[in-house]
PDB file of N, CA and C in Angstrom:
ATOM      1  N   UNK A   1     161.986 -24.211 -95.596  1.00  0.00           N
ATOM      2  CA  UNK A   1     163.272 -24.659 -95.088  1.00  0.00           C
ATOM      3  C   UNK A   1     163.204 -24.696 -93.559  1.00  0.00           C
ATOM      4  N   UNK A   2     163.387 -25.843 -92.990  1.00  0.00           N
ATOM      5  CA  UNK A   2     163.356 -26.020 -91.548  1.00  0.00           C
ATOM      6  C   UNK A   2     164.722 -26.480 -91.086  1.00  0.00           C
ATOM      7  N   UNK A   3     165.316 -25.719 -90.194  1.00  0.00           N
ATOM      8  CA  UNK A   3     166.644 -26.072 -89.700  1.00  0.00           C
ATOM      9  C   UNK A   3     166.595 -26.216 -88.187  1.00  0.00           C
ATOM     10  N   UNK A   4     167.286 -27.206 -87.688  1.00  0.00           N
ATOM     11  CA  UNK A   4     167.344 -27.463 -86.259  1.00  0.00           C
ATOM     12  C   UNK A   4     168.794 -27.470 -85.804  1.00  0.00           C
ATOM     13  N   UNK A   5     169.044 -26.893 -84.670  1.00  0.00           N
ATOM     14  CA  UNK A   5     170.368 -26.912 -84.070  1.00  0.00           C
ATOM     15  C   UNK A   5     170.229 -27.379 -82.634  1.00  0.00           C
ATOM     16  N   UNK A   6     171.201 -28.118 -82.139  1.00  0.00           N
ATOM     17  CA  UNK A   6     171.253 -28.511 -80.735  1.00  0.00           C
ATOM     18  C   UNK A   6     172.330 -27.659 -80.089  1.00  0.00           C
ATOM     19  N   UNK A   7     171.919 -26.856 -79.118  1.00  0.00           N
ATOM     20  CA  UNK A   7     172.827 -25.901 -78.478  1.00  0.00           C
ATOM     21  C   UNK A   7     172.685 -26.045 -76.963  1.00  0.00           C
ATOM     22  N   UNK A   8     173.795 -26.043 -76.263  1.00  0.00           N
ATOM     23  CA  UNK A   8     173.774 -26.151 -74.809  1.00  0.00           C
ATOM     24  C   UNK A   8     173.733 -24.759 -74.187  1.00  0.00           C
ATOM     25  N   UNK A   9     172.866 -24.582 -73.210  1.00  0.00           N
ATOM     26  CA  UNK A   9     172.828 -23.320 -72.467  1.00  0.00           C
ATOM     27  C   UNK A   9     174.044 -23.292 -71.554  1.00  0.00           C
ATOM     28  N   UNK A  10     174.819 -22.216 -71.671  1.00  0.00           N
ATOM     29  CA  UNK A  10     176.059 -22.063 -70.922  1.00  0.00           C
ATOM     30  C   UNK A  10     175.873 -21.069 -69.785  1.00  0.00           C
ATOM     31  N   UNK A  11     176.724 -21.136 -68.762  1.00  0.00           N
ATOM     32  CA  UNK A  11     176.665 -20.110 -67.723  1.00  0.00           C
ATOM     33  C   UNK A  11     177.432 -18.857 -68.176  1.00  0.00           C
ATOM     34  N   UNK A  12     176.898 -17.714 -67.820  1.00  0.00           N
ATOM     35  CA  UNK A  12     177.609 -16.448 -67.989  1.00  0.00           C
ATOM     36  C   UNK A  12     177.691 -15.863 -66.587  1.00  0.00           C
ATOM     37  N   UNK A  13     178.863 -15.429 -66.186  1.00  0.00           N
ATOM     38  CA  UNK A  13     179.036 -14.962 -64.814  1.00  0.00           C
ATOM     39  C   UNK A  13     178.935 -13.446 -64.752  1.00  0.00           C
ATOM     40  N   UNK A  14     178.027 -12.986 -63.890  1.00  0.00           N
ATOM     41  CA  UNK A  14     177.813 -11.553 -63.704  1.00  0.00           C
ATOM     42  C   UNK A  14     178.107 -11.191 -62.256  1.00  0.00           C
ATOM     43  N   UNK A  15     178.650 -10.013 -62.104  1.00  0.00           N
ATOM     44  CA  UNK A  15     178.998  -9.551 -60.771  1.00  0.00           C
ATOM     45  C   UNK A  15     177.778  -8.904 -60.115  1.00  0.00           C
ATOM     46  N   UNK A  16     177.451  -9.378 -58.911  1.00  0.00           N
ATOM     47  CA  UNK A  16     176.366  -8.793 -58.144  1.00  0.00           C
ATOM     48  C   UNK A  16     176.788  -7.398 -57.706  1.00  0.00           C
ATOM     49  N   UNK A  17     175.937  -6.395 -57.960  1.00  0.00           N
ATOM     50  CA  UNK A  17     176.352  -5.018 -57.677  1.00  0.00           C
ATOM     51  C   UNK A  17     176.471  -4.711 -56.186  1.00  0.00           C
ATOM     52  N   UNK A  18     175.866  -5.538 -55.334  1.00  0.00           N
ATOM     53  CA  UNK A  18     175.956  -5.288 -53.901  1.00  0.00           C
ATOM     54  C   UNK A  18     177.095  -6.070 -53.253  1.00  0.00           C
ATOM     55  N   UNK A  19     177.213  -7.347 -53.580  1.00  0.00           N
ATOM     56  CA  UNK A  19     178.204  -8.193 -52.920  1.00  0.00           C
ATOM     57  C   UNK A  19     179.478  -8.368 -53.748  1.00  0.00           C
ATOM     58  N   UNK A  20     179.436  -7.964 -55.029  1.00  0.00           N
ATOM     59  CA  UNK A  20     180.559  -8.121 -55.964  1.00  0.00           C
ATOM     60  C   UNK A  20     180.882  -9.592 -56.250  1.00  0.00           C
ATOM     61  N   UNK A  21     180.008 -10.497 -55.785  1.00  0.00           N
ATOM     62  CA  UNK A  21     180.189 -11.927 -56.021  1.00  0.00           C
ATOM     63  C   UNK A  21     179.727 -12.268 -57.441  1.00  0.00           C
ATOM     64  N   UNK A  22     180.478 -13.133 -58.138  1.00  0.00           N
ATOM     65  CA  UNK A  22     180.086 -13.578 -59.471  1.00  0.00           C
ATOM     66  C   UNK A  22     178.972 -14.608 -59.357  1.00  0.00           C
ATOM     67  N   UNK A  23     177.905 -14.371 -60.086  1.00  0.00           N
ATOM     68  CA  UNK A  23     176.744 -15.250 -60.064  1.00  0.00           C
ATOM     69  C   UNK A  23     176.494 -15.783 -61.469  1.00  0.00           C
ATOM     70  N   UNK A  24     176.310 -17.099 -61.621  1.00  0.00           N
ATOM     71  CA  UNK A  24     176.034 -17.633 -62.952  1.00  0.00           C
ATOM     72  C   UNK A  24     174.584 -17.373 -63.374  1.00  0.00           C
ATOM     73  N   UNK A  25     174.406 -16.968 -64.629  1.00  0.00           N
ATOM     74  CA  UNK A  25     173.075 -16.821 -65.224  1.00  0.00           C
ATOM     75  C   UNK A  25     173.078 -17.589 -66.541  1.00  0.00           C
ATOM     76  N   UNK A  26     171.940 -18.123 -66.970  1.00  0.00           N
ATOM     77  CA  UNK A  26     171.891 -18.869 -68.230  1.00  0.00           C
ATOM     78  C   UNK A  26     172.209 -17.963 -69.415  1.00  0.00           C
ATOM     79  N   UNK A  27     172.968 -18.477 -70.368  1.00  0.00           N
ATOM     80  CA  UNK A  27     173.363 -17.708 -71.546  1.00  0.00           C
ATOM     81  C   UNK A  27     173.222 -18.577 -72.785  1.00  0.00           C
ATOM     82  N   UNK A  28     172.756 -17.955 -73.868  1.00  0.00           N
ATOM     83  CA  UNK A  28     172.548 -18.663 -75.116  1.00  0.00           C
ATOM     84  C   UNK A  28     173.111 -17.814 -76.238  1.00  0.00           C
ATOM     85  N   UNK A  29     174.023 -18.370 -77.044  1.00  0.00           N
ATOM     86  CA  UNK A  29     174.607 -17.640 -78.160  1.00  0.00           C
ATOM     87  C   UNK A  29     174.242 -18.361 -79.457  1.00  0.00           C
ATOM     88  N   UNK A  30     173.673 -17.607 -80.375  1.00  0.00           N
ATOM     89  CA  UNK A  30     173.340 -18.145 -81.688  1.00  0.00           C
ATOM     90  C   UNK A  30     174.187 -17.420 -82.715  1.00  0.00           C
ATOM     91  N   UNK A  31     174.869 -18.165 -83.568  1.00  0.00           N
ATOM     92  CA  UNK A  31     175.659 -17.546 -84.634  1.00  0.00           C
ATOM     93  C   UNK A  31     175.861 -18.561 -85.747  1.00  0.00           C
ATOM     94  N   UNK A  32     176.099 -18.053 -86.936  1.00  0.00           N
ATOM     95  CA  UNK A  32     176.387 -18.935 -88.063  1.00  0.00           C
ATOM     96  C   UNK A  32     175.666 -18.517 -89.324  1.00  0.00           C
ATOM     97  N   UNK A  33     176.152 -19.032 -90.438  1.00  0.00           N
ATOM     98  CA  UNK A  33     175.556 -18.724 -91.735  1.00  0.00           C
ATOM     99  C   UNK A  33     174.112 -19.193 -91.835  1.00  0.00           C
ATOM    100  N   UNK A  34     173.750 -20.202 -91.075  1.00  0.00           N
ATOM    101  CA  UNK A  34     172.393 -20.710 -91.102  1.00  0.00           C
ATOM    102  C   UNK A  34     171.385 -19.659 -90.655  1.00  0.00           C
ATOM    103  N   UNK A  35     171.797 -18.733 -89.754  1.00  0.00           N
ATOM    104  CA  UNK A  35     170.900 -17.666 -89.335  1.00  0.00           C
ATOM    105  C   UNK A  35     170.577 -16.732 -90.503  1.00  0.00           C
ATOM    106  N   UNK A  36     171.600 -16.385 -91.268  1.00  0.00           N
ATOM    107  CA  UNK A  36     171.380 -15.526 -92.430  1.00  0.00           C
ATOM    108  C   UNK A  36     170.495 -16.224 -93.460  1.00  0.00           C
ATOM    109  N   UNK A  37     170.736 -17.507 -93.646  1.00  0.00           N
ATOM    110  CA  UNK A  37     169.918 -18.275 -94.595  1.00  0.00           C
ATOM    111  C   UNK A  37     168.456 -18.322 -94.152  1.00  0.00           C
ATOM    112  N   UNK A  38     168.231 -18.196 -92.853  1.00  0.00           N
ATOM    113  CA  UNK A  38     166.870 -18.219 -92.318  1.00  0.00           C
ATOM    114  C   UNK A  38     166.245 -16.822 -92.262  1.00  0.00           C
ATOM    115  N   UNK A  39     166.976 -15.795 -92.745  1.00  0.00           N
ATOM    116  CA  UNK A  39     166.421 -14.440 -92.788  1.00  0.00           C
ATOM    117  C   UNK A  39     166.843 -13.533 -91.655  1.00  0.00           C
ATOM    118  N   UNK A  40     167.740 -13.996 -90.797  1.00  0.00           N
ATOM    119  CA  UNK A  40     168.220 -13.185 -89.673  1.00  0.00           C
ATOM    120  C   UNK A  40     169.560 -12.560 -90.057  1.00  0.00           C
ATOM    121  N   UNK A  41     169.480 -11.444 -90.757  1.00  0.00           N
ATOM    122  CA  UNK A  41     170.673 -10.779 -91.276  1.00  0.00           C
ATOM    123  C   UNK A  41     171.293  -9.856 -90.231  1.00  0.00           C
ATOM    124  N   UNK A  42     172.582  -9.602 -90.369  1.00  0.00           N
ATOM    125  CA  UNK A  42     173.300  -8.697 -89.477  1.00  0.00           C
ATOM    126  C   UNK A  42     172.610  -7.338 -89.453  1.00  0.00           C
ATOM    127  N   UNK A  43     172.398  -6.796 -88.264  1.00  0.00           N
ATOM    128  CA  UNK A  43     171.772  -5.493 -88.110  1.00  0.00           C
ATOM    129  C   UNK A  43     170.263  -5.525 -87.949  1.00  0.00           C
ATOM    130  N   UNK A  44     169.635  -6.672 -88.225  1.00  0.00           N
ATOM    131  CA  UNK A  44     168.182  -6.796 -88.066  1.00  0.00           C
ATOM    132  C   UNK A  44     167.813  -6.716 -86.591  1.00  0.00           C
ATOM    133  N   UNK A  45     166.647  -6.164 -86.319  1.00  0.00           N
ATOM    134  CA  UNK A  45     166.108  -6.126 -84.961  1.00  0.00           C
ATOM    135  C   UNK A  45     165.228  -7.365 -84.796  1.00  0.00           C
ATOM    136  N   UNK A  46     165.346  -8.018 -83.636  1.00  0.00           N
ATOM    137  CA  UNK A  46     164.542  -9.206 -83.380  1.00  0.00           C
ATOM    138  C   UNK A  46     163.704  -9.035 -82.122  1.00  0.00           C
ATOM    139  N   UNK A  47     162.674  -9.820 -82.036  1.00  0.00           N
ATOM    140  CA  UNK A  47     161.813  -9.894 -80.857  1.00  0.00           C
ATOM    141  C   UNK A  47     161.916 -11.330 -80.354  1.00  0.00           C
ATOM    142  N   UNK A  48     162.178 -11.493 -79.053  1.00  0.00           N
ATOM    143  CA  UNK A  48     162.311 -12.826 -78.461  1.00  0.00           C
ATOM    144  C   UNK A  48     161.286 -12.950 -77.337  1.00  0.00           C
ATOM    145  N   UNK A  49     160.509 -14.017 -77.346  1.00  0.00           N
ATOM    146  CA  UNK A  49     159.596 -14.279 -76.246  1.00  0.00           C
ATOM    147  C   UNK A  49     159.450 -15.778 -76.028  1.00  0.00           C
ATOM    148  N   UNK A  50     158.901 -16.135 -74.886  1.00  0.00           N
ATOM    149  CA  UNK A  50     158.687 -17.541 -74.532  1.00  0.00           C
ATOM    150  C   UNK A  50     157.191 -17.813 -74.577  1.00  0.00           C
ATOM    151  N   UNK A  51     156.845 -18.897 -75.250  1.00  0.00           N
ATOM    152  CA  UNK A  51     155.448 -19.284 -75.411  1.00  0.00           C
ATOM    153  C   UNK A  51     155.348 -20.792 -75.213  1.00  0.00           C
ATOM    154  N   UNK A  52     154.686 -21.214 -74.143  1.00  0.00           N
ATOM    155  CA  UNK A  52     154.539 -22.644 -73.842  1.00  0.00           C
ATOM    156  C   UNK A  52     155.888 -23.373 -73.827  1.00  0.00           C
ATOM    157  N   UNK A  53     156.852 -22.834 -73.121  1.00  0.00           N
ATOM    158  CA  UNK A  53     158.211 -23.395 -72.999  1.00  0.00           C
ATOM    159  C   UNK A  53     158.961 -23.456 -74.322  1.00  0.00           C
ATOM    160  N   UNK A  54     158.580 -22.620 -75.278  1.00  0.00           N
ATOM    161  CA  UNK A  54     159.260 -22.538 -76.568  1.00  0.00           C
ATOM    162  C   UNK A  54     159.808 -21.127 -76.715  1.00  0.00           C
ATOM    163  N   UNK A  55     161.087 -21.010 -77.015  1.00  0.00           N
ATOM    164  CA  UNK A  55     161.717 -19.718 -77.261  1.00  0.00           C
ATOM    165  C   UNK A  55     161.427 -19.331 -78.707  1.00  0.00           C
ATOM    166  N   UNK A  56     160.752 -18.204 -78.904  1.00  0.00           N
ATOM    167  CA  UNK A  56     160.355 -17.761 -80.237  1.00  0.00           C
ATOM    168  C   UNK A  56     161.166 -16.525 -80.593  1.00  0.00           C
ATOM    169  N   UNK A  57     161.854 -16.568 -81.748  1.00  0.00           N
ATOM    170  CA  UNK A  57     162.671 -15.456 -82.234  1.00  0.00           C
ATOM    171  C   UNK A  57     162.086 -15.010 -83.564  1.00  0.00           C
ATOM    172  N   UNK A  58     161.707 -13.735 -83.649  1.00  0.00           N
ATOM    173  CA  UNK A  58     161.100 -13.205 -84.872  1.00  0.00           C
ATOM    174  C   UNK A  58     161.784 -11.892 -85.243  1.00  0.00           C
ATOM    175  N   UNK A  59     161.938 -11.660 -86.543  1.00  0.00           N
ATOM    176  CA  UNK A  59     162.462 -10.365 -86.973  1.00  0.00           C
ATOM    177  C   UNK A  59     161.359  -9.329 -86.822  1.00  0.00           C
ATOM    178  N   UNK A  60     161.761  -8.093 -86.529  1.00  0.00           N
ATOM    179  CA  UNK A  60     160.823  -6.986 -86.388  1.00  0.00           C
ATOM    180  C   UNK A  60     160.933  -6.137 -87.644  1.00  0.00           C
ATOM    181  N   UNK A  61     159.829  -5.979 -88.336  1.00  0.00           N
ATOM    182  CA  UNK A  61     159.816  -5.171 -89.549  1.00  0.00           C
ATOM    183  C   UNK A  61     159.679  -3.705 -89.172  1.00  0.00           C
ATOM    184  N   UNK A  62     160.489  -2.829 -89.765  1.00  0.00           N
ATOM    185  CA  UNK A  62     160.413  -1.402 -89.431  1.00  0.00           C
ATOM    186  C   UNK A  62     159.093  -0.796 -89.906  1.00  0.00           C
ATOM    187  N   UNK A  63     158.593   0.144 -89.124  1.00  0.00           N
ATOM    188  CA  UNK A  63     157.372   0.862 -89.519  1.00  0.00           C
ATOM    189  C   UNK A  63     157.742   1.954 -90.500  1.00  0.00           C
ATOM    190  N   UNK A  64     157.240   1.839 -91.701  1.00  0.00           N
ATOM    191  CA  UNK A  64     157.553   2.840 -92.732  1.00  0.00           C
ATOM    192  C   UNK A  64     156.382   3.762 -92.946  1.00  0.00           C
TER     193      UNK A  64
END
């Protein structure tokens, strides 16, 4: 099952701790039933990294 979504990166404004000025930083929010269908269940731990300009999101399996 391969699912694709088109999502726009939004600004999130954070306060600079020295100047108290709000600074925009890139923000990405993923949500929806499609995530659960893809195996990303609520409470799961994920690992996110960038590889060749591709954002890779993987579930982390607990060490038993």
